[in-house]
Amino acid sequence: MAASEISVTVPVYNGAAFYDSALDSILRQDCPHLEIIVVDDGSTDDLDENIRRRRVGVRCFRQPRRGPAAARNTGIRAASARCPCCIGAMPRT
């Protein structure tokens, strides 16, 4: 497998309702070597179930609630690509 060109971190706190749309947005990108990192920042909703249900190659990290900046930093530290970036699991408007 080729090395990832881009690592995308998705920090999530109780965002299970928005996880699918965030993941779909990432997967629509035209980048053949993409690493997806989800950082669960202490969620109490059913985010785990959403991640398991999708069965997509996602690296998932869980941490106690420390806030969005800490969740982004966790994902960036875990990234293996030269180009890390972050998106939020937010509703569409």
PDB file of N, CA and C in Angstrom:
ATOM      1  N   MET A   1       0.834  -1.184   0.000  1.00  0.00           N
ATOM      2  CA  MET A   1       0.000   0.000   0.000  1.00  0.00           C
ATOM      3  C   MET A   1       0.876   1.243   0.000  1.00  0.00           C
ATOM      4  N   ALA A   2       0.518   2.195  -0.779  1.00  0.00           N
ATOM      5  CA  ALA A   2       1.276   3.440  -0.863  1.00  0.00           C
ATOM      6  C   ALA A   2       1.057   4.271   0.391  1.00  0.00           C
ATOM      7  N   ALA A   3       2.033   5.084   0.714  1.00  0.00           N
ATOM      8  CA  ALA A   3       1.912   5.972   1.870  1.00  0.00           C
ATOM      9  C   ALA A   3       0.833   7.017   1.612  1.00  0.00           C
ATOM     10  N   SER A   4       0.200   7.425   2.692  1.00  0.00           N
ATOM     11  CA  SER A   4      -0.840   8.450   2.568  1.00  0.00           C
ATOM     12  C   SER A   4      -0.222   9.778   2.170  1.00  0.00           C
ATOM     13  N   GLU A   5      -0.899  10.490   1.292  1.00  0.00           N
ATOM     14  CA  GLU A   5      -0.461  11.827   0.902  1.00  0.00           C
ATOM     15  C   GLU A   5      -1.045  12.873   1.833  1.00  0.00           C
ATOM     16  N   ILE A   6      -2.269  12.607   2.293  1.00  0.00           N
ATOM     17  CA  ILE A   6      -2.986  13.551   3.148  1.00  0.00           C
ATOM     18  C   ILE A   6      -3.592  12.775   4.313  1.00  0.00           C
ATOM     19  N   SER A   7      -3.460  13.325   5.510  1.00  0.00           N
ATOM     20  CA  SER A   7      -4.129  12.785   6.688  1.00  0.00           C
ATOM     21  C   SER A   7      -5.228  13.752   7.090  1.00  0.00           C
ATOM     22  N   VAL A   8      -6.444  13.251   7.193  1.00  0.00           N
ATOM     23  CA  VAL A   8      -7.580  14.081   7.571  1.00  0.00           C
ATOM     24  C   VAL A   8      -8.018  13.680   8.977  1.00  0.00           C
ATOM     25  N   THR A   9      -7.982  14.631   9.897  1.00  0.00           N
ATOM     26  CA  THR A   9      -8.433  14.399  11.263  1.00  0.00           C
ATOM     27  C   THR A   9      -9.848  14.941  11.413  1.00  0.00           C
ATOM     28  N   VAL A  10     -10.716  14.115  12.011  1.00  0.00           N
ATOM     29  CA  VAL A  10     -12.086  14.509  12.291  1.00  0.00           C
ATOM     30  C   VAL A  10     -12.272  14.461  13.808  1.00  0.00           C
ATOM     31  N   PRO A  11     -12.159  15.608  14.499  1.00  0.00           N
ATOM     32  CA  PRO A  11     -12.426  15.603  15.931  1.00  0.00           C
ATOM     33  C   PRO A  11     -13.938  15.594  16.159  1.00  0.00           C
ATOM     34  N   VAL A  12     -14.399  14.710  17.040  1.00  0.00           N
ATOM     35  CA  VAL A  12     -15.845  14.565  17.238  1.00  0.00           C
ATOM     36  C   VAL A  12     -16.161  14.514  18.729  1.00  0.00           C
ATOM     37  N   TYR A  13     -17.143  15.295  19.126  1.00  0.00           N
ATOM     38  CA  TYR A  13     -17.713  15.192  20.466  1.00  0.00           C
ATOM     39  C   TYR A  13     -19.229  15.143  20.311  1.00  0.00           C
ATOM     40  N   ASN A  14     -19.805  14.009  20.633  1.00  0.00           N
ATOM     41  CA  ASN A  14     -21.251  13.800  20.503  1.00  0.00           C
ATOM     42  C   ASN A  14     -21.759  14.223  19.124  1.00  0.00           C
ATOM     43  N   GLY A  15     -21.039  13.822  18.104  1.00  0.00           N
ATOM     44  CA  GLY A  15     -21.404  14.185  16.741  1.00  0.00           C
ATOM     45  C   GLY A  15     -21.788  12.988  15.895  1.00  0.00           C
ATOM     46  N   ALA A  16     -22.290  11.927  16.526  1.00  0.00           N
ATOM     47  CA  ALA A  16     -22.662  10.731  15.768  1.00  0.00           C
ATOM     48  C   ALA A  16     -23.648  11.046  14.653  1.00  0.00           C
ATOM     49  N   ALA A  17     -24.536  11.992  14.887  1.00  0.00           N
ATOM     50  CA  ALA A  17     -25.535  12.348  13.872  1.00  0.00           C
ATOM     51  C   ALA A  17     -24.899  12.962  12.628  1.00  0.00           C
ATOM     52  N   PHE A  18     -23.711  13.509  12.758  1.00  0.00           N
ATOM     53  CA  PHE A  18     -23.050  14.190  11.647  1.00  0.00           C
ATOM     54  C   PHE A  18     -21.862  13.414  11.089  1.00  0.00           C
ATOM     55  N   TYR A  19     -21.526  12.302  11.725  1.00  0.00           N
ATOM     56  CA  TYR A  19     -20.343  11.538  11.332  1.00  0.00           C
ATOM     57  C   TYR A  19     -20.431  11.053   9.888  1.00  0.00           C
ATOM     58  N   ASP A  20     -21.579  10.488   9.499  1.00  0.00           N
ATOM     59  CA  ASP A  20     -21.703   9.954   8.139  1.00  0.00           C
ATOM     60  C   ASP A  20     -21.474  11.022   7.077  1.00  0.00           C
ATOM     61  N   SER A  21     -22.051  12.209   7.266  1.00  0.00           N
ATOM     62  CA  SER A  21     -21.875  13.256   6.254  1.00  0.00           C
ATOM     63  C   SER A  21     -20.433  13.746   6.223  1.00  0.00           C
ATOM     64  N   ALA A  22     -19.772  13.808   7.371  1.00  0.00           N
ATOM     65  CA  ALA A  22     -18.356  14.210   7.386  1.00  0.00           C
ATOM     66  C   ALA A  22     -17.503  13.174   6.667  1.00  0.00           C
ATOM     67  N   LEU A  23     -17.747  11.895   6.949  1.00  0.00           N
ATOM     68  CA  LEU A  23     -16.989  10.828   6.303  1.00  0.00           C
ATOM     69  C   LEU A  23     -17.241  10.816   4.801  1.00  0.00           C
ATOM     70  N   ASP A  24     -18.504  10.970   4.397  1.00  0.00           N
ATOM     71  CA  ASP A  24     -18.824  10.999   2.966  1.00  0.00           C
ATOM     72  C   ASP A  24     -18.113  12.154   2.271  1.00  0.00           C
ATOM     73  N   SER A  25     -18.032  13.285   2.921  1.00  0.00           N
ATOM     74  CA  SER A  25     -17.344  14.442   2.349  1.00  0.00           C
ATOM     75  C   SER A  25     -15.871  14.135   2.097  1.00  0.00           C
ATOM     76  N   ILE A  26     -15.247  13.460   3.037  1.00  0.00           N
ATOM     77  CA  ILE A  26     -13.832  13.092   2.873  1.00  0.00           C
ATOM     78  C   ILE A  26     -13.678  12.089   1.738  1.00  0.00           C
ATOM     79  N   LEU A  27     -14.529  11.079   1.708  1.00  0.00           N
ATOM     80  CA  LEU A  27     -14.407  10.016   0.712  1.00  0.00           C
ATOM     81  C   LEU A  27     -14.699  10.495  -0.704  1.00  0.00           C
ATOM     82  N   ARG A  28     -15.401  11.615  -0.862  1.00  0.00           N
ATOM     83  CA  ARG A  28     -15.672  12.163  -2.201  1.00  0.00           C
ATOM     84  C   ARG A  28     -14.449  12.866  -2.797  1.00  0.00           C
ATOM     85  N   GLN A  29     -13.441  13.095  -2.019  1.00  0.00           N
ATOM     86  CA  GLN A  29     -12.262  13.803  -2.517  1.00  0.00           C
ATOM     87  C   GLN A  29     -11.490  12.917  -3.489  1.00  0.00           C
ATOM     88  N   ASP A  30     -10.832  13.535  -4.423  1.00  0.00           N
ATOM     89  CA  ASP A  30     -10.072  12.823  -5.445  1.00  0.00           C
ATOM     90  C   ASP A  30      -8.612  12.698  -4.995  1.00  0.00           C
ATOM     91  N   CYS A  31      -8.415  11.874  -3.989  1.00  0.00           N
ATOM     92  CA  CYS A  31      -7.067  11.646  -3.452  1.00  0.00           C
ATOM     93  C   CYS A  31      -6.923  10.149  -3.201  1.00  0.00           C
ATOM     94  N   PRO A  32      -6.085   9.485  -3.988  1.00  0.00           N
ATOM     95  CA  PRO A  32      -6.007   8.029  -3.888  1.00  0.00           C
ATOM     96  C   PRO A  32      -5.374   7.526  -2.589  1.00  0.00           C
ATOM     97  N   HIS A  33      -4.537   8.301  -1.951  1.00  0.00           N
ATOM     98  CA  HIS A  33      -3.842   7.851  -0.754  1.00  0.00           C
ATOM     99  C   HIS A  33      -4.202   8.779   0.401  1.00  0.00           C
ATOM    100  N   LEU A  34      -5.308   8.442   1.057  1.00  0.00           N
ATOM    101  CA  LEU A  34      -5.879   9.303   2.069  1.00  0.00           C
ATOM    102  C   LEU A  34      -5.967   8.540   3.388  1.00  0.00           C
ATOM    103  N   GLU A  35      -5.495   9.143   4.449  1.00  0.00           N
ATOM    104  CA  GLU A  35      -5.605   8.565   5.784  1.00  0.00           C
ATOM    105  C   GLU A  35      -6.694   9.336   6.532  1.00  0.00           C
ATOM    106  N   ILE A  36      -7.634   8.605   7.139  1.00  0.00           N
ATOM    107  CA  ILE A  36      -8.707   9.235   7.897  1.00  0.00           C
ATOM    108  C   ILE A  36      -8.535   8.877   9.366  1.00  0.00           C
ATOM    109  N   ILE A  37      -8.492   9.909  10.197  1.00  0.00           N
ATOM    110  CA  ILE A  37      -8.314   9.736  11.639  1.00  0.00           C
ATOM    111  C   ILE A  37      -9.497  10.380  12.342  1.00  0.00           C
ATOM    112  N   VAL A  38     -10.220   9.601  13.130  1.00  0.00           N
ATOM    113  CA  VAL A  38     -11.324  10.123  13.925  1.00  0.00           C
ATOM    114  C   VAL A  38     -10.859  10.165  15.379  1.00  0.00           C
ATOM    115  N   VAL A  39     -11.026  11.327  16.007  1.00  0.00           N
ATOM    116  CA  VAL A  39     -10.690  11.459  17.424  1.00  0.00           C
ATOM    117  C   VAL A  39     -11.987  11.709  18.186  1.00  0.00           C
ATOM    118  N   ASP A  40     -12.388  10.710  18.976  1.00  0.00           N
ATOM    119  CA  ASP A  40     -13.582  10.813  19.813  1.00  0.00           C
ATOM    120  C   ASP A  40     -13.173  11.503  21.107  1.00  0.00           C
ATOM    121  N   ASP A  41     -13.648  12.703  21.277  1.00  0.00           N
ATOM    122  CA  ASP A  41     -13.263  13.541  22.417  1.00  0.00           C
ATOM    123  C   ASP A  41     -14.246  13.372  23.583  1.00  0.00           C
ATOM    124  N   GLY A  42     -14.386  12.120  24.046  1.00  0.00           N
ATOM    125  CA  GLY A  42     -15.233  11.857  25.200  1.00  0.00           C
ATOM    126  C   GLY A  42     -16.717  11.804  24.910  1.00  0.00           C
ATOM    127  N   SER A  43     -17.095  11.399  23.706  1.00  0.00           N
ATOM    128  CA  SER A  43     -18.513  11.347  23.329  1.00  0.00           C
ATOM    129  C   SER A  43     -19.299  10.385  24.210  1.00  0.00           C
ATOM    130  N   THR A  44     -20.573  10.714  24.390  1.00  0.00           N
ATOM    131  CA  THR A  44     -21.479   9.835  25.125  1.00  0.00           C
ATOM    132  C   THR A  44     -22.624   9.355  24.238  1.00  0.00           C
ATOM    133  N   ASP A  45     -22.571   9.673  22.946  1.00  0.00           N
ATOM    134  CA  ASP A  45     -23.607   9.213  22.013  1.00  0.00           C
ATOM    135  C   ASP A  45     -23.151   7.916  21.360  1.00  0.00           C
ATOM    136  N   ASP A  46     -23.766   7.547  20.244  1.00  0.00           N
ATOM    137  CA  ASP A  46     -23.463   6.258  19.600  1.00  0.00           C
ATOM    138  C   ASP A  46     -22.439   6.380  18.464  1.00  0.00           C
ATOM    139  N   LEU A  47     -21.446   7.228  18.631  1.00  0.00           N
ATOM    140  CA  LEU A  47     -20.401   7.394  17.622  1.00  0.00           C
ATOM    141  C   LEU A  47     -19.697   6.075  17.325  1.00  0.00           C
ATOM    142  N   ASP A  48     -19.387   5.294  18.358  1.00  0.00           N
ATOM    143  CA  ASP A  48     -18.712   4.004  18.147  1.00  0.00           C
ATOM    144  C   ASP A  48     -19.480   3.120  17.178  1.00  0.00           C
ATOM    145  N   GLU A  49     -20.779   3.063  17.343  1.00  0.00           N
ATOM    146  CA  GLU A  49     -21.613   2.240  16.465  1.00  0.00           C
ATOM    147  C   GLU A  49     -21.561   2.755  15.034  1.00  0.00           C
ATOM    148  N   ASN A  50     -21.589   4.054  14.839  1.00  0.00           N
ATOM    149  CA  ASN A  50     -21.503   4.617  13.487  1.00  0.00           C
ATOM    150  C   ASN A  50     -20.184   4.247  12.823  1.00  0.00           C
ATOM    151  N   ILE A  51     -19.095   4.307  13.567  1.00  0.00           N
ATOM    152  CA  ILE A  51     -17.781   3.965  13.018  1.00  0.00           C
ATOM    153  C   ILE A  51     -17.748   2.492  12.622  1.00  0.00           C
ATOM    154  N   ARG A  52     -18.233   1.611  13.498  1.00  0.00           N
ATOM    155  CA  ARG A  52     -18.244   0.170  13.190  1.00  0.00           C
ATOM    156  C   ARG A  52     -19.145  -0.137  12.001  1.00  0.00           C
ATOM    157  N   ARG A  53     -20.288   0.510  11.924  1.00  0.00           N
ATOM    158  CA  ARG A  53     -21.257   0.242  10.857  1.00  0.00           C
ATOM    159  C   ARG A  53     -20.695   0.577   9.480  1.00  0.00           C
ATOM    160  N   ARG A  54     -19.939   1.648   9.382  1.00  0.00           N
ATOM    161  CA  ARG A  54     -19.423   2.083   8.073  1.00  0.00           C
ATOM    162  C   ARG A  54     -18.306   1.188   7.552  1.00  0.00           C
ATOM    163  N   ARG A  55     -17.537   0.565   8.402  1.00  0.00           N
ATOM    164  CA  ARG A  55     -16.460  -0.352   8.007  1.00  0.00           C
ATOM    165  C   ARG A  55     -15.550   0.244   6.934  1.00  0.00           C
ATOM    166  N   VAL A  56     -15.177   1.463   7.139  1.00  0.00           N
ATOM    167  CA  VAL A  56     -14.245   2.142   6.238  1.00  0.00           C
ATOM    168  C   VAL A  56     -12.903   2.201   6.969  1.00  0.00           C
ATOM    169  N   GLY A  57     -11.822   2.248   6.254  1.00  0.00           N
ATOM    170  CA  GLY A  57     -10.503   2.291   6.878  1.00  0.00           C
ATOM    171  C   GLY A  57     -10.265   3.582   7.643  1.00  0.00           C
ATOM    172  N   VAL A  58     -10.733   3.621   8.864  1.00  0.00           N
ATOM    173  CA  VAL A  58     -10.599   4.799   9.704  1.00  0.00           C
ATOM    174  C   VAL A  58      -9.784   4.425  10.932  1.00  0.00           C
ATOM    175  N   ARG A  59      -8.801   5.233  11.246  1.00  0.00           N
ATOM    176  CA  ARG A  59      -8.079   5.063  12.512  1.00  0.00           C
ATOM    177  C   ARG A  59      -8.828   5.881  13.555  1.00  0.00           C
ATOM    178  N   CYS A  60      -9.189   5.236  14.653  1.00  0.00           N
ATOM    179  CA  CYS A  60      -9.995   5.903  15.664  1.00  0.00           C
ATOM    180  C   CYS A  60      -9.232   5.980  16.979  1.00  0.00           C
ATOM    181  N   PHE A  61      -9.238   7.154  17.564  1.00  0.00           N
ATOM    182  CA  PHE A  61      -8.614   7.388  18.861  1.00  0.00           C
ATOM    183  C   PHE A  61      -9.695   7.918  19.789  1.00  0.00           C
ATOM    184  N   ARG A  62      -9.670   7.440  21.026  1.00  0.00           N
ATOM    185  CA  ARG A  62     -10.610   7.934  22.031  1.00  0.00           C
ATOM    186  C   ARG A  62      -9.826   8.573  23.159  1.00  0.00           C
ATOM    187  N   GLN A  63     -10.353   9.673  23.641  1.00  0.00           N
ATOM    188  CA  GLN A  63      -9.705  10.359  24.752  1.00  0.00           C
ATOM    189  C   GLN A  63     -10.776  10.958  25.647  1.00  0.00           C
ATOM    190  N   PRO A  64     -10.443  11.231  26.910  1.00  0.00           N
ATOM    191  CA  PRO A  64     -11.391  11.934  27.768  1.00  0.00           C
ATOM    192  C   PRO A  64     -11.648  13.324  27.192  1.00  0.00           C
ATOM    193  N   ARG A  65     -12.771  13.897  27.514  1.00  0.00           N
ATOM    194  CA  ARG A  65     -13.144  15.223  26.995  1.00  0.00           C
ATOM    195  C   ARG A  65     -12.084  16.258  27.355  1.00  0.00           C
ATOM    196  N   ARG A  66     -11.435  16.790  26.316  1.00  0.00           N
ATOM    197  CA  ARG A  66     -10.408  17.814  26.503  1.00  0.00           C
ATOM    198  C   ARG A  66     -10.620  19.003  25.579  1.00  0.00           C
ATOM    199  N   GLY A  67     -11.635  18.945  24.727  1.00  0.00           N
ATOM    200  CA  GLY A  67     -11.938  20.064  23.849  1.00  0.00           C
ATOM    201  C   GLY A  67     -11.455  19.845  22.426  1.00  0.00           C
ATOM    202  N   PRO A  68     -11.992  20.650  21.493  1.00  0.00           N
ATOM    203  CA  PRO A  68     -11.690  20.444  20.070  1.00  0.00           C
ATOM    204  C   PRO A  68     -10.230  20.654  19.703  1.00  0.00           C
ATOM    205  N   ALA A  69      -9.554  21.600  20.320  1.00  0.00           N
ATOM    206  CA  ALA A  69      -8.138  21.828  19.979  1.00  0.00           C
ATOM    207  C   ALA A  69      -7.299  20.616  20.363  1.00  0.00           C
ATOM    208  N   ALA A  70      -7.542  20.059  21.533  1.00  0.00           N
ATOM    209  CA  ALA A  70      -6.797  18.877  21.970  1.00  0.00           C
ATOM    210  C   ALA A  70      -7.102  17.685  21.069  1.00  0.00           C
ATOM    211  N   ALA A  71      -8.355  17.548  20.641  1.00  0.00           N
ATOM    212  CA  ALA A  71      -8.715  16.451  19.736  1.00  0.00           C
ATOM    213  C   ALA A  71      -8.009  16.603  18.390  1.00  0.00           C
ATOM    214  N   ARG A  72      -7.972  17.827  17.870  1.00  0.00           N
ATOM    215  CA  ARG A  72      -7.250  18.059  16.608  1.00  0.00           C
ATOM    216  C   ARG A  72      -5.767  17.732  16.778  1.00  0.00           C
ATOM    217  N   ASN A  73      -5.177  18.154  17.876  1.00  0.00           N
ATOM    218  CA  ASN A  73      -3.754  17.886  18.116  1.00  0.00           C
ATOM    219  C   ASN A  73      -3.480  16.390  18.222  1.00  0.00           C
ATOM    220  N   THR A  74      -4.383  15.638  18.855  1.00  0.00           N
ATOM    221  CA  THR A  74      -4.222  14.186  18.937  1.00  0.00           C
ATOM    222  C   THR A  74      -4.178  13.590  17.533  1.00  0.00           C
ATOM    223  N   GLY A  75      -5.081  14.016  16.679  1.00  0.00           N
ATOM    224  CA  GLY A  75      -5.114  13.500  15.309  1.00  0.00           C
ATOM    225  C   GLY A  75      -3.896  13.885  14.502  1.00  0.00           C
ATOM    226  N   ILE A  76      -3.460  15.111  14.653  1.00  0.00           N
ATOM    227  CA  ILE A  76      -2.279  15.570  13.906  1.00  0.00           C
ATOM    228  C   ILE A  76      -1.035  14.804  14.353  1.00  0.00           C
ATOM    229  N   ARG A  77      -0.914  14.567  15.662  1.00  0.00           N
ATOM    230  CA  ARG A  77       0.236  13.786  16.149  1.00  0.00           C
ATOM    231  C   ARG A  77       0.211  12.358  15.618  1.00  0.00           C
ATOM    232  N   ALA A  78      -0.978  11.804  15.421  1.00  0.00           N
ATOM    233  CA  ALA A  78      -1.113  10.430  14.938  1.00  0.00           C
ATOM    234  C   ALA A  78      -0.959  10.319  13.423  1.00  0.00           C
ATOM    235  N   ALA A  79      -1.033  11.436  12.726  1.00  0.00           N
ATOM    236  CA  ALA A  79      -1.000  11.433  11.258  1.00  0.00           C
ATOM    237  C   ALA A  79       0.330  10.925  10.727  1.00  0.00           C
ATOM    238  N   SER A  80       0.244  10.170   9.643  1.00  0.00           N
ATOM    239  CA  SER A  80       1.458   9.639   9.021  1.00  0.00           C
ATOM    240  C   SER A  80       1.821  10.383   7.727  1.00  0.00           C
ATOM    241  N   ALA A  81       0.899  11.158   7.194  1.00  0.00           N
ATOM    242  CA  ALA A  81       1.150  11.865   5.931  1.00  0.00           C
ATOM    243  C   ALA A  81       1.903  13.173   6.174  1.00  0.00           C
ATOM    244  N   ARG A  82       2.523  13.668   5.125  1.00  0.00           N
ATOM    245  CA  ARG A  82       3.227  14.950   5.211  1.00  0.00           C
ATOM    246  C   ARG A  82       2.267  16.123   5.310  1.00  0.00           C
ATOM    247  N   CYS A  83       1.047  15.928   4.854  1.00  0.00           N
ATOM    248  CA  CYS A  83       0.077  17.016   4.820  1.00  0.00           C
ATOM    249  C   CYS A  83      -1.126  16.681   5.711  1.00  0.00           C
ATOM    250  N   PRO A  84      -1.085  17.081   6.982  1.00  0.00           N
ATOM    251  CA  PRO A  84      -2.247  16.839   7.841  1.00  0.00           C
ATOM    252  C   PRO A  84      -3.261  17.970   7.711  1.00  0.00           C
ATOM    253  N   CYS A  85      -4.528  17.642   7.829  1.00  0.00           N
ATOM    254  CA  CYS A  85      -5.568  18.665   7.851  1.00  0.00           C
ATOM    255  C   CYS A  85      -6.689  18.189   8.762  1.00  0.00           C
ATOM    256  N   CYS A  86      -7.595  19.089   9.095  1.00  0.00           N
ATOM    257  CA  CYS A  86      -8.701  18.763   9.996  1.00  0.00           C
ATOM    258  C   CYS A  86     -10.012  19.254   9.392  1.00  0.00           C
ATOM    259  N   ILE A  87     -11.068  18.489   9.646  1.00  0.00           N
ATOM    260  CA  ILE A  87     -12.414  18.953   9.330  1.00  0.00           C
ATOM    261  C   ILE A  87     -13.274  18.655  10.545  1.00  0.00           C
ATOM    262  N   GLY A  88     -14.423  19.294  10.621  1.00  0.00           N
ATOM    263  CA  GLY A  88     -15.344  19.022  11.711  1.00  0.00           C
ATOM    264  C   GLY A  88     -16.509  18.164  11.249  1.00  0.00           C
ATOM    265  N   ALA A  89     -17.029  17.373  12.168  1.00  0.00           N
ATOM    266  CA  ALA A  89     -18.236  16.600  11.882  1.00  0.00           C
ATOM    267  C   ALA A  89     -19.408  17.497  12.210  1.00  0.00           C
ATOM    268  N   MET A  90     -19.799  18.313  11.236  1.00  0.00           N
ATOM    269  CA  MET A  90     -20.816  19.343  11.446  1.00  0.00           C
ATOM    270  C   MET A  90     -21.998  19.098  10.528  1.00  0.00           C
ATOM    271  N   PRO A  91     -23.166  19.602  10.900  1.00  0.00           N
ATOM    272  CA  PRO A  91     -24.330  19.457  10.018  1.00  0.00           C
ATOM    273  C   PRO A  91     -24.182  20.297   8.763  1.00  0.00           C
ATOM    274  N   ARG A  92     -24.813  19.853   7.688  1.00  0.00           N
ATOM    275  CA  ARG A  92     -24.833  20.641   6.453  1.00  0.00           C
ATOM    276  C   ARG A  92     -25.802  21.789   6.608  1.00  0.00           C
ATOM    277  N   THR A  93     -25.484  22.913   5.981  1.00  0.00           N
ATOM    278  CA  THR A  93     -26.401  24.046   6.039  1.00  0.00           C
ATOM    279  C   THR A  93     -26.870  24.385   4.641  1.00  0.00           C
TER     280      THR A  93
END
